[in-house]
Amino acid sequence: MTAGQKAFRRFVLRSFEEHQYDLGRTLTWCERHYHKLSEPERIAMNHLTIRERNEVLSEIIALGLAKC
């Protein structure tokens, strides 16, 4: 996993847990609160490809399904 993927994963996981593993609410929150990231996190995440982002989201979805 790249540094950008790790930053993206941490950001999404924090919200995912806070929103009781509701992926829709989580992604909406992340989109609206992107400014809460540090500059290095934003830069790293902006360099992710769609495939890299999707890999992280797939892992998080699997985690959420395991919690249900």
C-alpha atoms as a PDB file:
ATOM      1  CA  MET A   1       0.000   0.000   0.000  1.00  0.00           C
ATOM      2  CA  THR A   2       1.397   3.407  -0.941  1.00  0.00           C
ATOM      3  CA  ALA A   3       1.730   6.341   1.458  1.00  0.00           C
ATOM      4  CA  GLY A   4      -1.173   8.043  -0.311  1.00  0.00           C
ATOM      5  CA  GLN A   5      -3.358   4.972   0.098  1.00  0.00           C
ATOM      6  CA  LYS A   6      -2.478   4.773   3.786  1.00  0.00           C
ATOM      7  CA  ALA A   7      -3.440   8.438   4.274  1.00  0.00           C
ATOM      8  CA  PHE A   8      -6.696   7.917   2.378  1.00  0.00           C
ATOM      9  CA  ARG A   9      -7.436   4.750   4.369  1.00  0.00           C
ATOM     10  CA  ARG A  10      -6.891   6.486   7.734  1.00  0.00           C
ATOM     11  CA  PHE A  11      -9.105   9.410   6.721  1.00  0.00           C
ATOM     12  CA  VAL A  12     -11.963   7.217   5.486  1.00  0.00           C
ATOM     13  CA  LEU A  13     -11.717   4.706   8.352  1.00  0.00           C
ATOM     14  CA  ARG A  14     -12.014   7.420  10.990  1.00  0.00           C
ATOM     15  CA  SER A  15     -15.252   8.583   9.434  1.00  0.00           C
ATOM     16  CA  PHE A  16     -16.487   5.051   8.659  1.00  0.00           C
ATOM     17  CA  GLU A  17     -16.343   4.077  12.330  1.00  0.00           C
ATOM     18  CA  GLU A  18     -17.919   7.364  13.454  1.00  0.00           C
ATOM     19  CA  HIS A  19     -20.815   6.817  11.029  1.00  0.00           C
ATOM     20  CA  GLN A  20     -21.500   3.267  12.263  1.00  0.00           C
ATOM     21  CA  TYR A  21     -20.096   1.671   9.068  1.00  0.00           C
ATOM     22  CA  ASP A  22     -22.530   3.493   6.765  1.00  0.00           C
ATOM     23  CA  LEU A  23     -20.485   3.876   3.581  1.00  0.00           C
ATOM     24  CA  GLY A  24     -22.831   6.419   1.980  1.00  0.00           C
ATOM     25  CA  ARG A  25     -22.697   8.773   4.959  1.00  0.00           C
ATOM     26  CA  THR A  26     -18.956   8.207   5.272  1.00  0.00           C
ATOM     27  CA  LEU A  27     -18.162   9.169   1.688  1.00  0.00           C
ATOM     28  CA  THR A  28     -20.420  12.227   1.887  1.00  0.00           C
ATOM     29  CA  TRP A  29     -18.703  13.325   5.096  1.00  0.00           C
ATOM     30  CA  CYS A  30     -15.240  12.785   3.593  1.00  0.00           C
ATOM     31  CA  GLU A  31     -16.118  14.847   0.542  1.00  0.00           C
ATOM     32  CA  ARG A  32     -17.414  17.712   2.696  1.00  0.00           C
ATOM     33  CA  HIS A  33     -14.536  17.618   5.195  1.00  0.00           C
ATOM     34  CA  TYR A  34     -11.567  17.186   2.868  1.00  0.00           C
ATOM     35  CA  HIS A  35     -10.151  20.412   4.319  1.00  0.00           C
ATOM     36  CA  LYS A  36      -9.543  18.619   7.640  1.00  0.00           C
ATOM     37  CA  LEU A  37      -6.615  16.757   6.111  1.00  0.00           C
ATOM     38  CA  SER A  38      -3.097  18.006   6.576  1.00  0.00           C
ATOM     39  CA  GLU A  39      -1.383  19.390   3.484  1.00  0.00           C
ATOM     40  CA  PRO A  40       0.896  16.314   3.091  1.00  0.00           C
ATOM     41  CA  GLU A  41      -2.155  14.008   3.338  1.00  0.00           C
ATOM     42  CA  ARG A  42      -4.023  16.000   0.695  1.00  0.00           C
ATOM     43  CA  ILE A  43      -1.047  15.966  -1.638  1.00  0.00           C
ATOM     44  CA  ALA A  44      -0.550  12.219  -1.208  1.00  0.00           C
ATOM     45  CA  MET A  45      -4.225  11.492  -1.779  1.00  0.00           C
ATOM     46  CA  ASN A  46      -4.422  13.727  -4.841  1.00  0.00           C
ATOM     47  CA  HIS A  47      -1.812  11.554  -6.537  1.00  0.00           C
ATOM     48  CA  LEU A  48      -3.816   8.351  -6.141  1.00  0.00           C
ATOM     49  CA  THR A  49      -5.207   6.728  -9.254  1.00  0.00           C
ATOM     50  CA  ILE A  50      -8.831   5.653  -9.392  1.00  0.00           C
ATOM     51  CA  ARG A  51      -7.658   2.062  -9.061  1.00  0.00           C
ATOM     52  CA  GLU A  52      -5.651   2.868  -5.922  1.00  0.00           C
ATOM     53  CA  ARG A  53      -8.620   4.640  -4.321  1.00  0.00           C
ATOM     54  CA  ASN A  54     -10.919   1.771  -5.231  1.00  0.00           C
ATOM     55  CA  GLU A  55      -8.513  -0.755  -3.681  1.00  0.00           C
ATOM     56  CA  VAL A  56      -8.705   1.130  -0.392  1.00  0.00           C
ATOM     57  CA  LEU A  57     -12.487   1.456  -0.551  1.00  0.00           C
ATOM     58  CA  SER A  58     -12.858  -2.260  -1.354  1.00  0.00           C
ATOM     59  CA  GLU A  59     -10.832  -3.124   1.735  1.00  0.00           C
ATOM     60  CA  ILE A  60     -12.951  -0.796   3.886  1.00  0.00           C
ATOM     61  CA  ILE A  61     -16.199  -2.192   2.494  1.00  0.00           C
ATOM     62  CA  ALA A  62     -15.054  -5.716   3.335  1.00  0.00           C
ATOM     63  CA  LEU A  63     -14.253  -4.535   6.855  1.00  0.00           C
ATOM     64  CA  GLY A  64     -17.702  -2.967   7.185  1.00  0.00           C
ATOM     65  CA  LEU A  65     -19.431  -6.127   5.958  1.00  0.00           C
ATOM     66  CA  ALA A  66     -17.507  -8.160   8.497  1.00  0.00           C
ATOM     67  CA  LYS A  67     -18.800  -5.836  11.261  1.00  0.00           C
ATOM     68  CA  CYS A  68     -22.455  -6.368  10.274  1.00  0.00           C
END
